[in-house]
Amino acid sequence: MKVRDVVGLYVNPPDHAVVISADEKTQIRALGRRQTPLPMKHGHPETRTHDYKRNDTTCLMAALDVAAGKVTGQMVARHRSAEFLAFLDLVSEGIKPGTQVHVVLDNVSSHKSTEVNEWPKDNANRTFHFTPTSASRMNAVEGFFSKLSRQRLKHAIFNSLDECIAAIKGYIEHRNANDARPFRRSKKPEDLVEAWKKGHRKLQESAS
């Protein structure tokens, strides 16, 4: 079962192996304001215009090292299988040759192509583990994406796409240097499965 497979890697990772959680954060918009916001003053909050200017979009490919808590990120214009494979090669460069690597992915189409499925076959000691359908939040890197949105992107003003990309890169660098912590998951796979079964039973009871 996919739940036991993925959560088991978090709770009890294989000895001398690296567990990587990888995914993309797509459609990151570099939004600017048509007028410069007025700063907060005594007795007056910061003010900004309601309208904004779109400065194009970017995509962040990120891989979280579950044990170290550090993130490898790469900004790309598109998020096809080709870009994802190139990103996996980039992540592999920082791992000692011969190390067993387990990569947790969700089921988005760019992760399920024939080319991507061939990557573990062409790279010894690499294994893919897919989260259950509609359960991408089991992918640990989603927690990083959530913090990035809340702490750096929400309400941010970027006058160009380059400014947005620089801000994301700076956030990753600062986080890796000051706030990288091992990913911990306390609930065992059996606990999650039982919780889902309980919820399913309640839905059936409500429907009947």
Protein backbone atom coordinates (compact mmCIF):
# COMPACT_ATOMS: atom_id res chain seq x y z
CA MET A 1 0.00 0.00 0.00
CA LYS A 2 1.30 3.45 -0.97
CA VAL A 3 0.55 4.96 2.45
CA ARG A 4 2.74 2.42 4.24
CA ASP A 5 5.42 2.72 1.58
CA VAL A 6 5.74 6.52 1.80
CA VAL A 7 5.13 7.05 5.52
CA GLY A 8 7.41 4.11 6.32
CA LEU A 9 10.27 5.99 4.64
CA TYR A 10 9.66 8.97 6.94
CA VAL A 11 9.15 7.02 10.17
CA ASN A 12 11.78 4.33 9.63
CA PRO A 13 14.12 5.24 6.75
CA PRO A 14 16.49 2.59 5.42
CA ASP A 15 19.99 2.58 6.92
CA HIS A 16 22.65 4.52 5.00
CA ALA A 17 20.07 5.73 2.46
CA VAL A 18 18.90 9.20 1.44
CA VAL A 19 15.18 9.97 1.30
CA ILE A 20 14.24 12.86 -0.99
CA SER A 21 10.81 14.49 -1.29
CA ALA A 22 10.48 16.25 -4.66
CA ASP A 23 7.79 18.31 -6.37
CA GLU A 24 7.09 21.54 -8.25
CA LYS A 25 5.39 24.74 -7.15
CA THR A 26 3.92 26.04 -10.39
CA GLN A 27 2.46 29.36 -11.50
CA ILE A 28 4.37 31.54 -9.04
CA ARG A 29 3.30 35.02 -10.08
CA ALA A 30 5.58 38.04 -9.84
CA LEU A 31 2.95 40.59 -8.93
CA GLY A 32 3.73 44.28 -8.73
CA ARG A 33 1.57 47.26 -7.78
CA ARG A 34 0.80 49.99 -10.28
CA GLN A 35 1.73 52.55 -7.63
CA THR A 36 4.36 52.32 -4.90
CA PRO A 37 2.72 51.44 -1.54
CA LEU A 38 2.79 54.13 1.11
CA PRO A 39 4.68 52.96 4.22
CA MET A 40 3.12 52.63 7.65
CA LYS A 41 3.24 55.78 9.76
CA HIS A 42 2.20 56.58 13.31
CA GLY A 43 -1.56 56.19 13.42
CA HIS A 44 -1.81 55.04 9.79
CA PRO A 45 -1.40 51.52 8.38
CA GLU A 46 0.49 50.77 5.19
CA THR A 47 -1.64 51.53 2.14
CA ARG A 48 -1.46 50.07 -1.35
CA THR A 49 -3.57 50.20 -4.48
CA HIS A 50 -6.09 47.46 -5.11
CA ASP A 51 -4.90 46.83 -8.65
CA TYR A 52 -1.70 45.05 -9.57
CA LYS A 53 0.56 44.36 -12.55
CA ARG A 54 1.50 40.86 -13.68
CA ASN A 55 5.22 40.37 -14.33
CA ASP A 56 5.10 36.85 -15.76
CA THR A 57 5.28 33.55 -13.83
CA THR A 58 7.90 31.01 -12.85
CA CYS A 59 8.02 27.46 -11.50
CA LEU A 60 10.09 26.21 -8.57
CA MET A 61 11.32 22.63 -8.58
CA ALA A 62 12.35 21.62 -5.07
CA ALA A 63 13.73 18.55 -3.34
CA LEU A 64 13.75 18.19 0.44
CA ASP A 65 16.39 15.95 2.03
CA VAL A 66 14.22 14.42 4.73
CA ALA A 67 17.08 13.63 7.13
CA ALA A 68 19.00 16.90 6.77
CA GLY A 69 16.01 19.17 6.23
CA LYS A 70 17.77 21.08 3.46
CA VAL A 71 16.14 22.03 0.17
CA THR A 72 17.61 22.00 -3.32
CA GLY A 73 15.71 24.35 -5.60
CA GLN A 74 15.76 25.27 -9.27
CA MET A 75 13.67 27.86 -11.09
CA VAL A 76 12.37 26.86 -14.52
CA ALA A 77 10.10 28.45 -17.08
CA ARG A 78 8.27 25.19 -17.80
CA HIS A 79 7.67 22.02 -15.78
CA ARG A 80 7.70 19.16 -18.26
CA SER A 81 9.29 15.77 -17.83
CA ALA A 82 12.50 17.03 -19.45
CA GLU A 83 12.94 19.78 -16.86
CA PHE A 84 12.09 17.39 -14.04
CA LEU A 85 14.66 14.83 -15.18
CA ALA A 86 17.32 17.53 -15.40
CA PHE A 87 16.41 18.58 -11.86
CA LEU A 88 16.73 15.00 -10.57
CA ASP A 89 20.21 14.87 -12.10
CA LEU A 90 21.05 18.14 -10.32
CA VAL A 91 19.90 16.74 -6.97
CA SER A 92 21.92 13.56 -7.56
CA GLU A 93 25.13 15.57 -7.96
CA GLY A 94 25.13 16.33 -4.25
CA ILE A 95 24.76 12.69 -3.17
CA LYS A 96 27.69 10.35 -2.66
CA PRO A 97 27.94 7.80 -5.50
CA GLY A 98 26.62 4.36 -4.58
CA THR A 99 24.17 5.70 -1.98
CA GLN A 100 20.66 4.29 -2.03
CA VAL A 101 18.26 7.13 -2.86
CA HIS A 102 14.48 6.97 -2.35
CA VAL A 103 12.51 9.73 -4.09
CA VAL A 104 8.95 10.50 -2.95
CA LEU A 105 6.72 11.96 -5.69
CA ASP A 106 3.07 12.72 -6.30
CA ASN A 107 1.15 11.59 -9.37
CA VAL A 108 1.31 14.68 -11.58
CA SER A 109 1.75 13.86 -15.26
CA SER A 110 5.33 15.15 -15.47
CA HIS A 111 6.33 12.51 -12.90
CA LYS A 112 4.63 9.61 -14.67
CA SER A 113 5.97 9.85 -18.21
CA THR A 114 7.89 7.05 -19.88
CA GLU A 115 11.09 9.11 -19.74
CA VAL A 116 10.78 9.67 -15.99
CA ASN A 117 9.94 6.02 -15.33
CA GLU A 118 13.15 5.05 -17.12
CA TRP A 119 15.31 7.25 -14.88
CA PRO A 120 15.60 4.78 -11.95
CA LYS A 121 16.48 2.03 -14.42
CA ASP A 122 19.31 4.12 -15.84
CA ASN A 123 20.49 5.28 -12.40
CA ALA A 124 21.49 2.48 -10.08
CA ASN A 125 20.37 2.73 -6.45
CA ARG A 126 17.47 5.10 -7.27
CA THR A 127 13.86 4.20 -6.36
CA PHE A 128 10.61 6.14 -6.84
CA HIS A 129 7.79 6.06 -4.26
CA PHE A 130 4.46 7.63 -5.27
CA THR A 131 1.96 9.09 -2.83
CA PRO A 132 -1.64 7.85 -3.04
CA THR A 133 -3.89 9.60 -5.54
CA SER A 134 -5.26 12.91 -4.19
CA ALA A 135 -2.87 12.70 -1.22
CA SER A 136 0.01 14.84 -2.45
CA ARG A 137 0.25 16.46 1.01
CA MET A 138 1.94 13.27 2.13
CA ASN A 139 4.88 14.56 0.13
CA ALA A 140 7.07 16.24 2.76
CA VAL A 141 8.26 19.06 0.49
CA GLU A 142 4.70 20.44 0.47
CA GLY A 143 5.37 21.79 3.98
CA PHE A 144 8.28 23.80 2.59
CA PHE A 145 6.10 25.19 -0.20
CA SER A 146 3.51 26.26 2.37
CA LYS A 147 6.10 28.16 4.43
CA LEU A 148 7.56 29.77 1.32
CA SER A 149 4.12 31.07 0.36
CA ARG A 150 3.28 32.36 3.84
CA GLN A 151 6.65 33.79 4.80
CA ARG A 152 7.97 35.20 1.51
CA LEU A 153 5.48 35.30 -1.34
CA LYS A 154 2.19 36.33 0.30
CA HIS A 155 1.62 40.09 -0.06
CA ALA A 156 5.09 40.48 -1.62
CA ILE A 157 5.63 43.09 -4.33
CA PHE A 158 7.91 42.23 -7.24
CA ASN A 159 8.60 44.74 -9.98
CA SER A 160 10.01 42.05 -12.26
CA LEU A 161 10.22 38.29 -12.60
CA ASP A 162 13.94 38.50 -11.80
CA GLU A 163 13.10 40.10 -8.44
CA CYS A 164 10.71 37.25 -7.65
CA ILE A 165 13.24 34.58 -8.60
CA ALA A 166 15.97 36.26 -6.54
CA ALA A 167 13.64 36.42 -3.53
CA ILE A 168 12.87 32.70 -3.74
CA LYS A 169 16.53 31.76 -4.09
CA GLY A 170 17.41 33.99 -1.15
CA TYR A 171 14.68 32.41 0.96
CA ILE A 172 16.01 28.90 0.24
CA GLU A 173 19.58 29.91 1.03
CA HIS A 174 18.59 31.56 4.30
CA ARG A 175 16.42 28.62 5.32
CA ASN A 176 19.13 26.06 4.60
CA ALA A 177 21.66 28.07 6.59
CA ASN A 178 19.46 28.93 9.57
CA ASP A 179 16.30 26.85 9.74
CA ALA A 180 16.97 23.42 8.21
CA ARG A 181 15.57 20.68 10.45
CA PRO A 182 15.01 16.95 9.84
CA PHE A 183 11.48 16.14 8.74
CA ARG A 184 9.62 14.24 11.46
CA ARG A 185 6.36 12.37 11.08
CA SER A 186 4.93 11.04 14.32
CA LYS A 187 1.93 9.10 13.01
CA LYS A 188 2.60 5.60 11.78
CA PRO A 189 1.07 4.31 8.52
CA GLU A 190 -1.43 2.18 10.46
CA ASP A 191 -2.68 5.28 12.31
CA LEU A 192 -3.33 7.13 9.05
CA VAL A 193 -5.08 4.16 7.44
CA GLU A 194 -7.33 3.70 10.48
CA ALA A 195 -8.19 7.42 10.53
CA TRP A 196 -9.16 7.33 6.86
CA LYS A 197 -11.27 4.21 7.38
CA LYS A 198 -13.05 5.89 10.30
CA GLY A 199 -13.77 8.94 8.21
CA HIS A 200 -15.03 6.79 5.33
CA ARG A 201 -17.40 4.94 7.68
CA LYS A 202 -18.81 8.23 8.97
CA LEU A 203 -19.42 9.44 5.42
CA GLN A 204 -21.26 6.22 4.60
CA GLU A 205 -23.36 6.53 7.74
CA SER A 206 -24.25 10.13 6.87
CA ALA A 207 -25.19 9.15 3.33
CA SER A 208 -27.45 6.35 4.54
